Amino acid sequence: GHKIYGPTGIGVLWATTEVLADLPPYQGGGEMIKSV
């Protein structure tokens, strides 16, 4: 973000839905879950 006139500490990963559907989670915690 900070390279495109936005604030620091924010960025984006885009990936195809096909690829994302097969990836395991990156980090665990709140919001990335449906139920625990």
PDB file of all heavy atoms in Angstrom:
ATOM      1  N   GLY A   1       0.792  -1.217   0.000  1.00  0.00           N
ATOM      2  CA  GLY A   1       0.000   0.000   0.000  1.00  0.00           C
ATOM      3  C   GLY A   1       0.825   1.268   0.000  1.00  0.00           C
ATOM      4  O   GLY A   1       0.467   2.256  -0.657  1.00  0.00           O
ATOM      5  N   HIS A   2       1.936   1.270   0.727  1.00  0.00           N
ATOM      6  CA  HIS A   2       2.690   2.517   0.877  1.00  0.00           C
ATOM      7  C   HIS A   2       3.437   2.905  -0.387  1.00  0.00           C
ATOM      8  O   HIS A   2       3.937   4.028  -0.497  1.00  0.00           O
ATOM      9  CB  HIS A   2       3.657   2.430   2.070  1.00  0.00           C
ATOM     10  CG  HIS A   2       4.844   1.553   1.841  1.00  0.00           C
ATOM     11  ND1 HIS A   2       6.092   2.052   1.560  1.00  0.00           N
ATOM     12  CD2 HIS A   2       4.970   0.208   1.866  1.00  0.00           C
ATOM     13  CE1 HIS A   2       6.948   1.047   1.432  1.00  0.00           C
ATOM     14  NE2 HIS A   2       6.287  -0.076   1.610  1.00  0.00           N
ATOM     15  N   LYS A   3       3.494   1.988  -1.379  1.00  0.00           N
ATOM     16  CA  LYS A   3       4.104   2.340  -2.663  1.00  0.00           C
ATOM     17  C   LYS A   3       3.104   3.017  -3.597  1.00  0.00           C
ATOM     18  O   LYS A   3       3.489   3.569  -4.626  1.00  0.00           O
ATOM     19  CB  LYS A   3       4.624   1.074  -3.368  1.00  0.00           C
ATOM     20  CG  LYS A   3       5.529   0.187  -2.544  1.00  0.00           C
ATOM     21  CD  LYS A   3       6.912   0.727  -2.389  1.00  0.00           C
ATOM     22  CE  LYS A   3       7.816  -0.345  -1.768  1.00  0.00           C
ATOM     23  NZ  LYS A   3       9.178   0.152  -1.521  1.00  0.00           N
ATOM     24  N   ILE A   4       1.810   2.966  -3.250  1.00  0.00           N
ATOM     25  CA  ILE A   4       0.770   3.473  -4.128  1.00  0.00           C
ATOM     26  C   ILE A   4      -0.048   4.553  -3.404  1.00  0.00           C
ATOM     27  O   ILE A   4      -1.265   4.605  -3.487  1.00  0.00           O
ATOM     28  CB  ILE A   4      -0.106   2.320  -4.675  1.00  0.00           C
ATOM     29  CG1 ILE A   4      -1.054   2.802  -5.764  1.00  0.00           C
ATOM     30  CG2 ILE A   4      -0.838   1.567  -3.581  1.00  0.00           C
ATOM     31  CD1 ILE A   4      -1.757   1.704  -6.532  1.00  0.00           C
ATOM     32  N   TYR A   5       0.678   5.386  -2.630  1.00  0.00           N
ATOM     33  CA  TYR A   5       0.117   6.561  -1.960  1.00  0.00           C
ATOM     34  C   TYR A   5      -0.752   6.198  -0.760  1.00  0.00           C
ATOM     35  O   TYR A   5      -1.467   7.047  -0.227  1.00  0.00           O
ATOM     36  CB  TYR A   5      -0.670   7.441  -2.945  1.00  0.00           C
ATOM     37  CG  TYR A   5       0.104   7.778  -4.189  1.00  0.00           C
ATOM     38  CD1 TYR A   5      -0.160   7.134  -5.392  1.00  0.00           C
ATOM     39  CD2 TYR A   5       1.144   8.706  -4.160  1.00  0.00           C
ATOM     40  CE1 TYR A   5       0.574   7.420  -6.545  1.00  0.00           C
ATOM     41  CE2 TYR A   5       1.882   9.001  -5.306  1.00  0.00           C
ATOM     42  CZ  TYR A   5       1.589   8.359  -6.488  1.00  0.00           C
ATOM     43  OH  TYR A   5       2.320   8.631  -7.620  1.00  0.00           O
ATOM     44  N   GLY A   6      -0.680   4.946  -0.311  1.00  0.00           N
ATOM     45  CA  GLY A   6      -1.410   4.526   0.869  1.00  0.00           C
ATOM     46  C   GLY A   6      -0.503   4.443   2.084  1.00  0.00           C
ATOM     47  O   GLY A   6       0.693   4.750   2.016  1.00  0.00           O
ATOM     48  N   PRO A   7      -1.057   3.996   3.211  1.00  0.00           N
ATOM     49  CA  PRO A   7      -0.265   3.914   4.449  1.00  0.00           C
ATOM     50  C   PRO A   7       0.668   2.722   4.462  1.00  0.00           C
ATOM     51  O   PRO A   7       0.532   1.783   3.654  1.00  0.00           O
ATOM     52  CB  PRO A   7      -1.340   3.791   5.541  1.00  0.00           C
ATOM     53  CG  PRO A   7      -2.521   3.206   4.847  1.00  0.00           C
ATOM     54  CD  PRO A   7      -2.484   3.702   3.428  1.00  0.00           C
ATOM     55  N   THR A   8       1.610   2.742   5.385  1.00  0.00           N
ATOM     56  CA  THR A   8       2.489   1.597   5.590  1.00  0.00           C
ATOM     57  C   THR A   8       1.737   0.513   6.364  1.00  0.00           C
ATOM     58  O   THR A   8       0.705   0.754   6.981  1.00  0.00           O
ATOM     59  CB  THR A   8       3.744   2.000   6.367  1.00  0.00           C
ATOM     60  OG1 THR A   8       3.347   2.588   7.613  1.00  0.00           O
ATOM     61  CG2 THR A   8       4.581   3.000   5.587  1.00  0.00           C
ATOM     62  N   GLY A   9       2.288  -0.696   6.311  1.00  0.00           N
ATOM     63  CA  GLY A   9       1.721  -1.787   7.096  1.00  0.00           C
ATOM     64  C   GLY A   9       0.492  -2.427   6.490  1.00  0.00           C
ATOM     65  O   GLY A   9      -0.213  -3.173   7.171  1.00  0.00           O
ATOM     66  N   ILE A  10       0.220  -2.155   5.220  1.00  0.00           N
ATOM     67  CA  ILE A  10      -0.906  -2.790   4.538  1.00  0.00           C
ATOM     68  C   ILE A  10      -0.466  -3.168   3.136  1.00  0.00           C
ATOM     69  O   ILE A  10       0.292  -2.441   2.474  1.00  0.00           O
ATOM     70  CB  ILE A  10      -2.146  -1.863   4.489  1.00  0.00           C
ATOM     71  CG1 ILE A  10      -3.380  -2.616   3.964  1.00  0.00           C
ATOM     72  CG2 ILE A  10      -1.863  -0.624   3.644  1.00  0.00           C
ATOM     73  CD1 ILE A  10      -3.942  -3.616   4.914  1.00  0.00           C
ATOM     74  N   GLY A  11      -0.909  -4.321   2.689  1.00  0.00           N
ATOM     75  CA  GLY A  11      -0.591  -4.785   1.347  1.00  0.00           C
ATOM     76  C   GLY A  11      -1.621  -5.787   0.906  1.00  0.00           C
ATOM     77  O   GLY A  11      -2.607  -6.057   1.609  1.00  0.00           O
ATOM     78  N   VAL A  12      -1.391  -6.378  -0.247  1.00  0.00           N
ATOM     79  CA  VAL A  12      -2.386  -7.262  -0.852  1.00  0.00           C
ATOM     80  C   VAL A  12      -1.697  -8.469  -1.471  1.00  0.00           C
ATOM     81  O   VAL A  12      -0.641  -8.352  -2.099  1.00  0.00           O
ATOM     82  CB  VAL A  12      -3.181  -6.517  -1.948  1.00  0.00           C
ATOM     83  CG1 VAL A  12      -4.083  -7.478  -2.721  1.00  0.00           C
ATOM     84  CG2 VAL A  12      -3.994  -5.381  -1.337  1.00  0.00           C
ATOM     85  N   LEU A  13      -2.307  -9.620  -1.263  1.00  0.00           N
ATOM     86  CA  LEU A  13      -2.017 -10.803  -2.051  1.00  0.00           C
ATOM     87  C   LEU A  13      -3.262 -11.136  -2.848  1.00  0.00           C
ATOM     88  O   LEU A  13      -4.338 -11.324  -2.270  1.00  0.00           O
ATOM     89  CB  LEU A  13      -1.637 -11.990  -1.161  1.00  0.00           C
ATOM     90  CG  LEU A  13      -1.664 -13.371  -1.845  1.00  0.00           C
ATOM     91  CD1 LEU A  13      -0.607 -13.463  -2.939  1.00  0.00           C
ATOM     92  CD2 LEU A  13      -1.491 -14.485  -0.821  1.00  0.00           C
ATOM     93  N   TRP A  14      -3.124 -11.179  -4.164  1.00  0.00           N
ATOM     94  CA  TRP A  14      -4.179 -11.713  -5.025  1.00  0.00           C
ATOM     95  C   TRP A  14      -3.733 -13.078  -5.503  1.00  0.00           C
ATOM     96  O   TRP A  14      -2.542 -13.300  -5.783  1.00  0.00           O
ATOM     97  CB  TRP A  14      -4.398 -10.803  -6.247  1.00  0.00           C
ATOM     98  CG  TRP A  14      -5.258 -11.473  -7.290  1.00  0.00           C
ATOM     99  CD1 TRP A  14      -6.614 -11.446  -7.371  1.00  0.00           C
ATOM    100  CD2 TRP A  14      -4.805 -12.299  -8.378  1.00  0.00           C
ATOM    101  NE1 TRP A  14      -7.047 -12.197  -8.435  1.00  0.00           N
ATOM    102  CE2 TRP A  14      -5.954 -12.741  -9.075  1.00  0.00           C
ATOM    103  CE3 TRP A  14      -3.556 -12.713  -8.825  1.00  0.00           C
ATOM    104  CZ2 TRP A  14      -5.886 -13.560 -10.191  1.00  0.00           C
ATOM    105  CZ3 TRP A  14      -3.469 -13.539  -9.937  1.00  0.00           C
ATOM    106  CH2 TRP A  14      -4.626 -13.950 -10.616  1.00  0.00           C
ATOM    107  N   ALA A  15      -4.688 -13.994  -5.585  1.00  0.00           N
ATOM    108  CA  ALA A  15      -4.413 -15.299  -6.188  1.00  0.00           C
ATOM    109  C   ALA A  15      -5.689 -15.803  -6.838  1.00  0.00           C
ATOM    110  O   ALA A  15      -6.797 -15.374  -6.486  1.00  0.00           O
ATOM    111  CB  ALA A  15      -3.917 -16.292  -5.143  1.00  0.00           C
ATOM    112  N   THR A  16      -5.548 -16.699  -7.777  1.00  0.00           N
ATOM    113  CA  THR A  16      -6.726 -17.275  -8.413  1.00  0.00           C
ATOM    114  C   THR A  16      -7.517 -18.083  -7.380  1.00  0.00           C
ATOM    115  O   THR A  16      -6.956 -18.646  -6.437  1.00  0.00           O
ATOM    116  CB  THR A  16      -6.337 -18.185  -9.577  1.00  0.00           C
ATOM    117  OG1 THR A  16      -5.594 -19.309  -9.075  1.00  0.00           O
ATOM    118  CG2 THR A  16      -5.501 -17.433 -10.609  1.00  0.00           C
ATOM    119  N   THR A  17      -8.821 -18.151  -7.569  1.00  0.00           N
ATOM    120  CA  THR A  17      -9.671 -18.920  -6.658  1.00  0.00           C
ATOM    121  C   THR A  17      -9.258 -20.379  -6.651  1.00  0.00           C
ATOM    122  O   THR A  17      -9.263 -21.041  -5.602  1.00  0.00           O
ATOM    123  CB  THR A  17     -11.142 -18.776  -7.081  1.00  0.00           C
ATOM    124  OG1 THR A  17     -11.492 -17.384  -7.099  1.00  0.00           O
ATOM    125  CG2 THR A  17     -12.065 -19.504  -6.111  1.00  0.00           C
ATOM    126  N   GLU A  18      -8.878 -20.893  -7.814  1.00  0.00           N
ATOM    127  CA  GLU A  18      -8.442 -22.281  -7.919  1.00  0.00           C
ATOM    128  C   GLU A  18      -7.253 -22.557  -7.014  1.00  0.00           C
ATOM    129  O   GLU A  18      -7.223 -23.559  -6.284  1.00  0.00           O
ATOM    130  CB  GLU A  18      -8.068 -22.587  -9.373  1.00  0.00           C
ATOM    131  CG  GLU A  18      -7.426 -23.948  -9.582  1.00  0.00           C
ATOM    132  CD  GLU A  18      -6.758 -24.088 -10.931  1.00  0.00           C
ATOM    133  OE1 GLU A  18      -6.742 -23.105 -11.714  1.00  0.00           O
ATOM    134  OE2 GLU A  18      -6.223 -25.172 -11.209  1.00  0.00           O
ATOM    135  N   VAL A  19      -6.280 -21.664  -7.030  1.00  0.00           N
ATOM    136  CA  VAL A  19      -5.088 -21.863  -6.210  1.00  0.00           C
ATOM    137  C   VAL A  19      -5.423 -21.690  -4.733  1.00  0.00           C
ATOM    138  O   VAL A  19      -5.021 -22.496  -3.881  1.00  0.00           O
ATOM    139  CB  VAL A  19      -3.972 -20.889  -6.629  1.00  0.00           C
ATOM    140  CG1 VAL A  19      -2.817 -20.946  -5.643  1.00  0.00           C
ATOM    141  CG2 VAL A  19      -3.472 -21.224  -8.033  1.00  0.00           C
ATOM    142  N   LEU A  20      -6.171 -20.633  -4.402  1.00  0.00           N
ATOM    143  CA  LEU A  20      -6.493 -20.364  -3.001  1.00  0.00           C
ATOM    144  C   LEU A  20      -7.281 -21.499  -2.362  1.00  0.00           C
ATOM    145  O   LEU A  20      -7.117 -21.797  -1.173  1.00  0.00           O
ATOM    146  CB  LEU A  20      -7.285 -19.061  -2.886  1.00  0.00           C
ATOM    147  CG  LEU A  20      -6.514 -17.759  -3.094  1.00  0.00           C
ATOM    148  CD1 LEU A  20      -7.469 -16.578  -3.104  1.00  0.00           C
ATOM    149  CD2 LEU A  20      -5.452 -17.575  -2.011  1.00  0.00           C
ATOM    150  N   ALA A  21      -8.134 -22.135  -3.137  1.00  0.00           N
ATOM    151  CA  ALA A  21      -8.984 -23.192  -2.585  1.00  0.00           C
ATOM    152  C   ALA A  21      -8.175 -24.365  -2.056  1.00  0.00           C
ATOM    153  O   ALA A  21      -8.634 -25.097  -1.168  1.00  0.00           O
ATOM    154  CB  ALA A  21      -9.967 -23.672  -3.647  1.00  0.00           C
ATOM    155  N   ASP A  22      -6.963 -24.530  -2.585  1.00  0.00           N
ATOM    156  CA  ASP A  22      -6.140 -25.676  -2.191  1.00  0.00           C
ATOM    157  C   ASP A  22      -5.064 -25.325  -1.163  1.00  0.00           C
ATOM    158  O   ASP A  22      -4.323 -26.204  -0.727  1.00  0.00           O
ATOM    159  CB  ASP A  22      -5.455 -26.270  -3.435  1.00  0.00           C
ATOM    160  CG  ASP A  22      -6.443 -26.938  -4.381  1.00  0.00           C
ATOM    161  OD1 ASP A  22      -7.498 -27.381  -3.902  1.00  0.00           O
ATOM    162  OD2 ASP A  22      -6.156 -26.992  -5.591  1.00  0.00           O
ATOM    163  N   LEU A  23      -4.974 -24.045  -0.774  1.00  0.00           N
ATOM    164  CA  LEU A  23      -3.911 -23.656   0.154  1.00  0.00           C
ATOM    165  C   LEU A  23      -4.340 -23.867   1.599  1.00  0.00           C
ATOM    166  O   LEU A  23      -5.480 -23.575   1.968  1.00  0.00           O
ATOM    167  CB  LEU A  23      -3.545 -22.185  -0.048  1.00  0.00           C
ATOM    168  CG  LEU A  23      -2.964 -21.758  -1.391  1.00  0.00           C
ATOM    169  CD1 LEU A  23      -2.449 -20.331  -1.292  1.00  0.00           C
ATOM    170  CD2 LEU A  23      -1.858 -22.693  -1.847  1.00  0.00           C
ATOM    171  N   PRO A  24      -3.429 -24.333   2.443  1.00  0.00           N
ATOM    172  CA  PRO A  24      -3.736 -24.421   3.870  1.00  0.00           C
ATOM    173  C   PRO A  24      -3.691 -23.030   4.496  1.00  0.00           C
ATOM    174  O   PRO A  24      -3.138 -22.098   3.909  1.00  0.00           O
ATOM    175  CB  PRO A  24      -2.598 -25.296   4.409  1.00  0.00           C
ATOM    176  CG  PRO A  24      -1.455 -25.016   3.486  1.00  0.00           C
ATOM    177  CD  PRO A  24      -2.080 -24.812   2.125  1.00  0.00           C
ATOM    178  N   PRO A  25      -4.276 -22.855   5.684  1.00  0.00           N
ATOM    179  CA  PRO A  25      -4.191 -21.552   6.364  1.00  0.00           C
ATOM    180  C   PRO A  25      -2.737 -21.175   6.631  1.00  0.00           C
ATOM    181  O   PRO A  25      -1.860 -22.037   6.778  1.00  0.00           O
ATOM    182  CB  PRO A  25      -4.952 -21.782   7.663  1.00  0.00           C
ATOM    183  CG  PRO A  25      -5.864 -22.920   7.376  1.00  0.00           C
ATOM    184  CD  PRO A  25      -5.109 -23.802   6.418  1.00  0.00           C
ATOM    185  N   TYR A  26      -2.521 -19.862   6.704  1.00  0.00           N
ATOM    186  CA  TYR A  26      -1.181 -19.333   6.949  1.00  0.00           C
ATOM    187  C   TYR A  26      -0.950 -19.129   8.443  1.00  0.00           C
ATOM    188  O   TYR A  26       0.096 -19.480   8.981  1.00  0.00           O
ATOM    189  CB  TYR A  26      -1.041 -18.014   6.192  1.00  0.00           C
ATOM    190  CG  TYR A  26       0.260 -17.263   6.398  1.00  0.00           C
ATOM    191  CD1 TYR A  26       1.493 -17.877   6.253  1.00  0.00           C
ATOM    192  CD2 TYR A  26       0.242 -15.908   6.706  1.00  0.00           C
ATOM    193  CE1 TYR A  26       2.679 -17.183   6.412  1.00  0.00           C
ATOM    194  CE2 TYR A  26       1.421 -15.199   6.866  1.00  0.00           C
ATOM    195  CZ  TYR A  26       2.639 -15.831   6.724  1.00  0.00           C
ATOM    196  OH  TYR A  26       3.807 -15.131   6.882  1.00  0.00           O
ATOM    197  N   GLN A  27      -1.920 -18.551   9.128  1.00  0.00           N
ATOM    198  CA  GLN A  27      -1.844 -18.311  10.569  1.00  0.00           C
ATOM    199  C   GLN A  27      -3.178 -18.702  11.199  1.00  0.00           C
ATOM    200  O   GLN A  27      -4.226 -18.634  10.546  1.00  0.00           O
ATOM    201  CB  GLN A  27      -1.551 -16.837  10.873  1.00  0.00           C
ATOM    202  CG  GLN A  27      -0.192 -16.370  10.379  1.00  0.00           C
ATOM    203  CD  GLN A  27       0.019 -14.881  10.615  1.00  0.00           C
ATOM    204  OE1 GLN A  27      -0.921 -14.091  10.541  1.00  0.00           O
ATOM    205  NE2 GLN A  27       1.238 -14.492  10.894  1.00  0.00           N
ATOM    206  N   GLY A  28      -3.121 -19.076  12.454  1.00  0.00           N
ATOM    207  CA  GLY A  28      -4.336 -19.429  13.176  1.00  0.00           C
ATOM    208  C   GLY A  28      -4.753 -18.343  14.142  1.00  0.00           C
ATOM    209  O   GLY A  28      -3.925 -17.577  14.628  1.00  0.00           O
ATOM    210  N   GLY A  29      -6.054 -18.275  14.431  1.00  0.00           N
ATOM    211  CA  GLY A  29      -6.557 -17.289  15.378  1.00  0.00           C
ATOM    212  C   GLY A  29      -7.991 -16.926  15.083  1.00  0.00           C
ATOM    213  O   GLY A  29      -8.737 -17.701  14.477  1.00  0.00           O
ATOM    214  N   GLY A  30      -8.380 -15.737  15.524  1.00  0.00           N
ATOM    215  CA  GLY A  30      -9.737 -15.276  15.278  1.00  0.00           C
ATOM    216  C   GLY A  30      -9.952 -14.903  13.830  1.00  0.00           C
ATOM    217  O   GLY A  30      -9.009 -14.646  13.082  1.00  0.00           O
ATOM    218  N   GLU A  31     -11.205 -14.890  13.410  1.00  0.00           N
ATOM    219  CA  GLU A  31     -11.685 -14.466  12.099  1.00  0.00           C
ATOM    220  C   GLU A  31     -11.398 -15.469  10.989  1.00  0.00           C
ATOM    221  O   GLU A  31     -12.168 -15.574  10.043  1.00  0.00           O
ATOM    222  CB  GLU A  31     -11.121 -13.093  11.704  1.00  0.00           C
ATOM    223  CG  GLU A  31     -11.741 -12.493  10.450  1.00  0.00           C
ATOM    224  CD  GLU A  31     -13.255 -12.367  10.537  1.00  0.00           C
ATOM    225  OE1 GLU A  31     -13.786 -12.152  11.648  1.00  0.00           O
ATOM    226  OE2 GLU A  31     -13.919 -12.487   9.506  1.00  0.00           O
ATOM    227  N   MET A  32     -10.311 -16.219  11.091  1.00  0.00           N
ATOM    228  CA  MET A  32     -10.008 -17.181  10.025  1.00  0.00           C
ATOM    229  C   MET A  32     -10.715 -18.514  10.265  1.00  0.00           C
ATOM    230  O   MET A  32     -10.479 -19.495   9.562  1.00  0.00           O
ATOM    231  CB  MET A  32      -8.500 -17.392   9.876  1.00  0.00           C
ATOM    232  CG  MET A  32      -7.726 -17.776  11.111  1.00  0.00           C
ATOM    233  SD  MET A  32      -7.853 -19.496  11.623  1.00  0.00           S
ATOM    234  CE  MET A  32      -7.075 -20.312  10.260  1.00  0.00           C
ATOM    235  N   ILE A  33     -11.654 -18.522  11.198  1.00  0.00           N
ATOM    236  CA  ILE A  33     -12.357 -19.756  11.547  1.00  0.00           C
ATOM    237  C   ILE A  33     -13.869 -19.579  11.399  1.00  0.00           C
ATOM    238  O   ILE A  33     -14.382 -18.466  11.403  1.00  0.00           O
ATOM    239  CB  ILE A  33     -12.042 -20.176  12.995  1.00  0.00           C
ATOM    240  CG1 ILE A  33     -12.340 -19.027  13.981  1.00  0.00           C
ATOM    241  CG2 ILE A  33     -10.588 -20.606  13.112  1.00  0.00           C
ATOM    242  CD1 ILE A  33     -13.740 -18.939  14.495  1.00  0.00           C
ATOM    243  N   LYS A  34     -14.554 -20.719  11.226  1.00  0.00           N
ATOM    244  CA  LYS A  34     -16.012 -20.744  11.340  1.00  0.00           C
ATOM    245  C   LYS A  34     -16.441 -21.240  12.713  1.00  0.00           C
ATOM    246  O   LYS A  34     -17.370 -20.721  13.319  1.00  0.00           O
ATOM    247  CB  LYS A  34     -16.614 -21.637  10.245  1.00  0.00           C
ATOM    248  CG  LYS A  34     -16.660 -21.016   8.866  1.00  0.00           C
ATOM    249  CD  LYS A  34     -17.411 -21.922   7.898  1.00  0.00           C
ATOM    250  CE  LYS A  34     -17.576 -21.248   6.544  1.00  0.00           C
ATOM    251  NZ  LYS A  34     -18.298 -22.124   5.576  1.00  0.00           N
ATOM    252  N   SER A  35     -15.741 -22.270  13.181  1.00  0.00           N
ATOM    253  CA  SER A  35     -16.040 -22.812  14.508  1.00  0.00           C
ATOM    254  C   SER A  35     -14.793 -23.460  15.079  1.00  0.00           C
ATOM    255  O   SER A  35     -13.929 -23.934  14.335  1.00  0.00           O
ATOM    256  CB  SER A  35     -17.179 -23.840  14.440  1.00  0.00           C
ATOM    257  OG  SER A  35     -16.776 -24.967  13.684  1.00  0.00           O
ATOM    258  N   VAL A  36     -14.711 -23.443  16.417  1.00  0.00           N
ATOM    259  CA  VAL A  36     -13.555 -24.019  17.109  1.00  0.00           C
ATOM    260  C   VAL A  36     -14.034 -24.848  18.284  1.00  0.00           C
ATOM    261  O   VAL A  36     -14.849 -24.392  19.096  1.00  0.00           O
ATOM    262  CB  VAL A  36     -12.587 -22.921  17.614  1.00  0.00           C
ATOM    263  CG1 VAL A  36     -11.454 -23.542  18.418  1.00  0.00           C
ATOM    264  CG2 VAL A  36     -12.038 -22.102  16.462  1.00  0.00           C
TER     265      VAL A  36
END
